[in-house]
Protein backbone atom coordinates (compact mmCIF):
# COMPACT_ATOMS: atom_id res chain seq x y z
CA MET A 1 183.02 84.73 70.19
CA PRO A 2 180.17 83.78 72.55
CA ALA A 3 179.31 86.57 74.94
CA GLY A 4 179.38 86.33 78.72
CA SER A 5 182.64 86.35 80.63
CA ALA A 6 183.26 85.56 84.27
CA ALA A 7 184.02 89.24 84.83
CA GLN A 8 180.69 90.21 83.32
CA TYR A 9 178.75 88.01 85.72
CA GLY A 10 181.09 88.46 88.69
CA VAL A 11 183.35 85.83 90.22
CA GLU A 12 180.37 84.25 91.98
CA TRP A 13 177.82 84.39 89.16
CA TRP A 14 176.76 80.81 90.01
CA SER A 15 176.51 81.49 93.74
CA PRO A 16 173.45 80.19 95.65
CA ARG A 17 172.88 83.78 96.72
CA MET A 18 171.64 84.41 93.18
CA THR A 19 168.23 82.79 92.74
CA LYS A 20 168.02 79.74 90.50
CA LYS A 21 171.29 80.41 88.69
CA SER A 22 172.67 76.87 88.92
CA VAL A 23 170.06 74.22 88.18
CA ALA A 24 170.75 70.48 88.35
CA VAL A 25 168.57 68.37 86.04
CA ILE A 26 168.34 64.64 86.81
CA VAL A 27 166.84 62.50 84.05
CA HIS A 28 164.96 59.80 85.94
CA TYR A 29 163.82 56.37 84.80
CA GLY A 30 163.29 53.21 86.82
CA PRO A 31 163.67 52.68 90.59
CA THR A 32 163.31 55.94 92.52
CA GLY A 33 165.94 55.13 95.16
CA PRO A 34 169.00 56.29 93.18
CA THR A 35 167.23 59.46 92.05
CA ILE A 36 166.10 60.33 95.58
CA GLU A 37 169.61 59.77 96.92
CA LEU A 38 171.26 61.92 94.25
CA ALA A 39 168.61 64.65 94.43
CA ALA A 40 168.95 64.86 98.23
CA ARG A 41 172.73 65.11 97.96
CA LEU A 42 172.52 67.90 95.37
CA ASP A 43 169.76 69.67 97.30
CA ARG A 44 172.09 69.93 100.30
CA SER A 45 174.89 71.48 98.23
CA PRO A 46 175.31 75.25 98.76
CA LEU A 47 176.57 75.44 95.17
CA ILE A 48 173.29 74.39 93.55
CA ASP A 49 170.24 76.64 93.64
CA GLN A 50 167.65 74.20 92.35
CA VAL A 51 167.36 70.48 91.68
CA VAL A 52 164.75 69.15 89.27
CA ALA A 53 164.09 65.52 88.37
CA VAL A 54 162.27 64.70 85.13
CA ALA A 55 160.39 61.41 85.47
CA ASN A 56 160.58 59.82 82.03
CA ASP A 57 158.82 56.75 83.42
CA LEU A 58 155.87 59.02 84.37
CA ALA A 59 156.14 58.00 88.03
CA ALA A 60 154.40 60.06 90.69
CA ARG A 61 156.50 62.15 93.02
CA PRO A 62 158.17 59.91 95.65
CA GLY A 63 157.24 60.72 99.22
CA ALA A 64 160.88 60.59 100.36
CA LEU A 65 162.01 63.27 97.89
CA PRO A 66 163.22 66.45 99.65
CA PRO A 67 160.52 69.16 99.44
CA GLY A 68 162.84 71.62 97.69
CA VAL A 69 163.42 69.26 94.74
CA ALA A 70 161.11 69.76 91.77
CA TRP A 71 159.56 66.61 90.27
CA VAL A 72 158.41 67.03 86.67
CA VAL A 73 156.25 64.40 84.98
CA PRO A 74 156.19 64.93 81.20
CA ASP A 75 153.33 63.84 78.95
CA ARG A 76 155.42 60.91 77.72
CA ASN A 77 158.90 59.44 77.86
CA LEU A 78 161.08 62.15 76.30
CA GLY A 79 164.38 60.25 76.38
CA PHE A 80 167.63 61.64 77.71
CA GLY A 81 168.01 64.83 75.67
CA GLY A 82 164.28 65.55 75.72
CA GLY A 83 164.15 64.99 79.47
CA PHE A 84 166.96 67.47 79.98
CA ARG A 85 165.27 70.05 77.76
CA ARG A 86 162.03 69.62 79.71
CA GLY A 87 163.81 70.20 83.02
CA ALA A 88 165.69 73.23 81.69
CA GLU A 89 162.43 74.75 80.45
CA GLU A 90 161.24 74.93 84.04
CA TYR A 91 164.07 77.37 84.87
CA PRO A 92 164.76 79.45 81.75
CA SER A 93 166.57 82.19 83.71
CA ALA A 94 169.29 79.83 84.95
CA THR A 95 172.89 80.66 84.17
CA ALA A 96 174.21 77.09 84.23
CA TYR A 97 172.63 73.65 84.05
CA ILE A 98 174.07 70.43 85.42
CA LEU A 99 172.81 67.41 83.50
CA LEU A 100 173.07 64.10 85.34
CA ASN A 101 172.15 60.45 85.08
CA ASN A 102 170.58 59.26 88.32
CA ASP A 103 173.49 56.85 88.87
CA ILE A 104 176.12 59.61 89.20
CA ARG A 105 177.88 60.52 92.44
CA ILE A 106 179.58 63.90 92.59
CA ASP A 107 181.02 65.95 95.47
CA ASP A 108 181.04 69.69 96.10
CA ALA A 109 184.71 70.08 95.16
CA THR A 110 184.01 68.77 91.65
CA ILE A 111 180.80 70.79 91.36
CA GLU A 112 182.62 73.96 92.40
CA GLU A 113 185.48 73.44 89.94
CA CYS A 114 183.23 72.65 86.99
CA LEU A 115 180.92 75.59 87.69
CA GLU A 116 183.92 77.88 87.82
CA ILE A 117 185.28 76.52 84.54
CA VAL A 118 181.96 76.85 82.70
CA SER A 119 181.78 80.49 83.81
CA ARG A 120 184.94 81.33 81.87
CA ASP A 121 184.76 83.35 78.69
CA GLY A 122 183.81 81.23 75.68
CA VAL A 123 183.26 77.98 77.60
CA GLY A 124 179.96 76.26 76.80
CA ILE A 125 180.29 72.72 78.16
CA VAL A 126 182.40 71.13 80.88
CA ALA A 127 182.48 67.60 82.22
CA PRO A 128 184.41 66.05 85.08
CA THR A 129 186.58 63.00 84.51
CA LEU A 130 184.27 60.04 85.07
CA VAL A 131 185.37 56.95 86.98
CA ASN A 132 183.62 53.68 87.83
CA ALA A 133 184.35 50.43 89.63
CA THR A 134 186.96 49.42 87.03
CA GLY A 135 188.79 52.76 87.06
CA LEU A 136 188.72 55.54 84.46
CA GLN A 137 185.54 55.44 82.38
CA SER A 138 185.60 58.67 80.41
CA GLY A 139 188.28 61.24 79.81
CA ALA A 140 188.76 63.51 76.79
CA ALA A 141 186.87 61.93 73.91
CA ALA A 142 187.04 61.92 70.14
CA THR A 143 185.33 60.19 67.22
CA THR A 144 186.65 57.52 64.91
CA ARG A 145 187.74 58.77 61.49
CA VAL A 146 185.69 56.52 59.22
CA LEU A 147 182.55 55.55 61.12
CA GLY A 148 182.37 58.71 63.23
CA ALA A 149 181.68 56.57 66.29
CA PRO A 150 182.24 57.96 69.78
CA ARG A 151 185.63 56.94 71.11
CA VAL A 152 186.66 57.44 74.71
CA LEU A 153 190.31 58.19 75.37
CA ARG A 154 190.64 56.13 78.52
CA VAL A 155 193.93 57.75 79.54
CA PRO A 156 193.71 61.56 79.46
CA PRO A 157 196.88 62.97 77.87
CA ARG A 158 197.25 65.60 80.61
CA ALA A 159 196.19 66.06 84.21
CA ASP A 160 194.91 69.61 83.71
CA ILE A 161 191.86 71.15 82.03
CA GLN A 162 191.79 70.28 78.35
CA ASP A 163 189.70 70.76 75.23
CA ALA A 164 187.73 67.76 74.01
CA ASP A 165 185.79 66.89 70.86
CA TRP A 166 182.98 65.76 73.14
CA VAL A 167 182.30 64.81 76.74
CA THR A 168 179.81 62.34 78.14
CA GLY A 169 176.30 63.48 78.97
CA ALA A 170 176.21 61.22 82.02
CA VAL A 171 177.33 64.32 83.94
CA MET A 172 177.71 67.56 82.03
CA PHE A 173 177.89 71.23 83.08
CA ILE A 174 176.26 73.43 80.45
CA ARG A 175 176.31 77.19 80.18
CA ALA A 176 172.67 78.20 79.74
CA GLU A 177 173.55 80.68 76.99
CA CYS A 178 175.17 77.85 75.04
CA HIS A 179 172.10 75.62 75.41
CA ARG A 180 169.80 78.44 74.34
CA GLN A 181 171.88 78.95 71.21
CA VAL A 182 172.33 75.27 70.31
CA PRO A 183 169.79 73.25 72.37
CA MET A 184 170.39 69.56 72.88
CA ASP A 185 168.81 67.47 70.13
CA ALA A 186 165.91 65.47 71.61
CA ARG A 187 165.22 63.20 68.65
CA PHE A 188 167.97 60.67 69.51
CA PHE A 189 166.04 59.58 72.62
CA LEU A 190 168.88 57.45 73.96
CA GLY A 191 172.52 57.79 72.92
CA TRP A 192 174.61 60.07 70.68
CA GLU A 193 172.84 63.27 71.80
CA ASP A 194 175.82 64.30 73.94
CA LEU A 195 178.26 63.83 71.07
CA GLU A 196 176.04 65.70 68.62
CA PHE A 197 175.41 68.51 71.13
CA CYS A 198 179.12 69.02 71.76
CA ARG A 199 179.90 69.14 68.04
CA ARG A 200 177.25 71.80 67.38
CA ALA A 201 178.43 73.81 70.37
CA ARG A 202 182.01 73.74 69.08
CA ARG A 203 180.89 74.79 65.61
CA ALA A 204 179.02 77.71 67.20
CA GLY A 205 182.27 78.89 68.82
CA TRP A 206 181.91 77.42 72.31
CA ARG A 207 184.68 75.48 74.01
CA VAL A 208 184.06 71.95 75.28
CA LEU A 209 186.34 71.13 78.18
CA LEU A 210 187.25 68.21 80.41
CA SER A 211 188.15 68.86 84.05
CA PRO A 212 190.54 66.60 85.98
CA ALA A 213 188.07 66.76 88.90
CA THR A 214 186.27 63.43 89.14
CA ALA A 215 182.73 62.10 89.42
CA TRP A 216 181.65 58.50 90.06
CA HIS A 217 179.39 56.46 87.78
CA SER A 218 177.84 53.46 89.50
CA GLY A 219 175.93 52.21 86.45
CA GLY A 220 172.24 51.88 87.20
CA GLY A 221 171.41 49.54 84.34
CA THR A 222 168.00 51.06 83.53
CA ILE A 223 168.38 50.27 79.82
CA PRO A 224 166.77 46.89 79.01
CA SER A 225 169.19 44.19 78.00
CA GLY A 226 169.99 44.37 74.30
CA ALA A 227 167.74 47.36 73.59
CA TYR A 228 170.72 49.66 73.19
CA GLY A 229 171.66 47.74 70.04
CA TYR A 230 168.72 49.40 68.30
CA TYR A 231 169.55 52.92 69.46
CA TYR A 232 173.27 52.65 68.81
CA THR A 233 172.66 51.45 65.24
CA ARG A 234 169.91 53.95 64.45
CA ASN A 235 171.48 56.97 66.09
CA GLN A 236 174.89 56.37 64.55
CA LEU A 237 173.25 56.65 61.14
CA TRP A 238 171.24 59.70 62.20
CA PHE A 239 174.36 61.37 63.55
CA ALA A 240 176.25 60.85 60.27
CA ARG A 241 173.30 62.14 58.27
CA LEU A 242 172.97 65.25 60.43
CA GLN A 243 176.68 65.96 59.89
CA ARG A 244 176.01 65.70 56.13
CA TRP A 245 178.58 62.94 55.91
CA ARG A 246 177.01 61.25 52.88
CA VAL A 247 179.93 58.92 52.21
CA ARG A 248 180.35 58.03 55.88
CA ALA A 249 176.61 57.46 56.25
CA ALA A 250 176.71 55.06 53.31
CA ILE A 251 179.73 53.26 54.79
CA ILE A 252 177.99 52.98 58.18
CA ALA A 253 174.83 51.61 56.54
CA PHE A 254 176.75 48.99 54.56
CA TRP A 255 178.91 48.09 57.57
CA SER A 256 175.85 47.67 59.78
CA ALA A 257 174.01 45.56 57.19
CA LEU A 258 176.91 43.43 55.93
CA VAL A 259 179.05 43.05 59.05
CA VAL A 260 177.24 43.98 62.26
CA LEU A 261 173.90 42.34 61.46
CA PRO A 262 175.32 38.97 60.26
CA ARG A 263 177.67 38.85 63.25
CA THR A 264 174.76 39.56 65.60
CA ILE A 265 172.65 36.83 63.98
CA VAL A 266 175.46 34.32 64.55
CA LEU A 267 175.81 35.38 68.19
CA ASP A 268 172.05 35.12 68.71
CA LEU A 269 172.03 31.59 67.31
CA VAL A 270 175.13 30.46 69.19
CA ARG A 271 173.79 31.80 72.48
CA ARG A 272 170.31 30.38 71.77
CA ARG A 273 168.48 33.59 72.43
CA GLY A 274 166.42 33.56 69.26
CA LEU A 275 166.93 36.57 67.01
CA ARG A 276 166.12 39.17 69.63
CA LEU A 277 169.22 41.35 69.31
CA SER A 278 169.44 40.80 65.55
CA THR A 279 165.88 42.11 65.20
CA LEU A 280 166.82 45.26 67.11
CA VAL A 281 169.88 45.87 64.92
CA LEU A 282 167.84 45.30 61.75
CA HIS A 283 165.20 47.80 62.79
CA GLY A 284 167.95 50.20 63.83
CA ILE A 285 169.28 50.12 60.27
CA VAL A 286 165.82 50.59 58.74
CA ASP A 287 164.89 53.49 61.03
CA GLY A 288 168.38 54.98 60.71
CA LEU A 289 167.82 55.35 56.97
CA GLY A 290 164.23 56.53 57.34
CA ARG A 291 162.57 59.81 58.19
CA LEU A 292 164.24 62.02 60.78
CA PRO A 293 161.90 63.48 63.41
CA SER A 294 162.08 67.08 64.61
CA ALA A 295 165.07 67.99 66.76
CA SER A 296 162.76 69.24 69.51
CA ALA A 297 161.20 65.89 70.42
CA PRO A 298 161.59 62.15 69.81
CA PHE A 299 159.17 60.00 67.83
CA LEU A 300 155.74 59.81 69.45
CA ASP A 301 156.02 56.03 69.83
CA GLU A 302 159.33 56.05 71.75
CA PRO A 303 160.78 53.90 73.15
CA ARG A 304 160.57 52.26 69.72
CA ALA A 305 162.83 49.43 70.88
CA ALA A 306 159.93 48.26 73.06
CA ARG A 307 158.26 46.98 69.88
CA TRP A 308 160.89 44.29 69.56
CA SER A 309 162.18 43.85 73.11
CA GLN A 310 160.97 43.99 76.69
CA TRP A 311 161.11 47.47 78.17
CA GLY A 312 160.40 48.19 81.80
């Protein structure tokens, strides 16, 4: 059983009176406006001790950023998981991390509830219920049986705190002890790292929970159009391989090559967009079956999708 109960740390172990115990890490890419707005909101919260933004686009610190917010510029684009790891490294003594996209809106009531839940004995990861302009976006989540793909249960079965196979990384509360034991895999760069992280945490004995408290996802759209087709295809294969699902990995490879790729080619031709998306899917299959990089960092040439699509 993972060590560290709420009683051990005290009922206010995440309190702002304890230096740098709750650290919010915003993974930034693209226009600075949304990141500045979110960072300023979190910086004003008495529940958060430190806010750090990791600039994956290598942008210089914006002048409008509150002075108390740390702005970290890595050597290169580290992707989502790598960006979070870089931000967490700045505050290794933290007790809890809050991982956020820059297009998330979250209030103090939700922050307080999720911090309290993640302080409970054995809890490693907590996420709020995520909503967007169309309603519920992410509740308790599972994976499909055959392809192992992430599946969102759009209607949570209960209105109370519940265990989940995985929760979205768009906004995730992470016990620091859990992350130190099973750090988020940085090789995925974009997509599937939250699912893989939750599965390893559960295997290590940590609970992954969904809170009924809500957060809002506006959808910033920083991913170039179509580029996600490469990462979804590649990372799905990587995920299956890392789970040692040899049969599933083979099924996913054949499905991608014999069903997904031909269907994408037809759509490209019908919509007269050349073979742009088909090329991304094809390279996703090839890279998905190729060499796996180290879990601590993505490929040196990421974003690899920029080779075959516009990225900016």
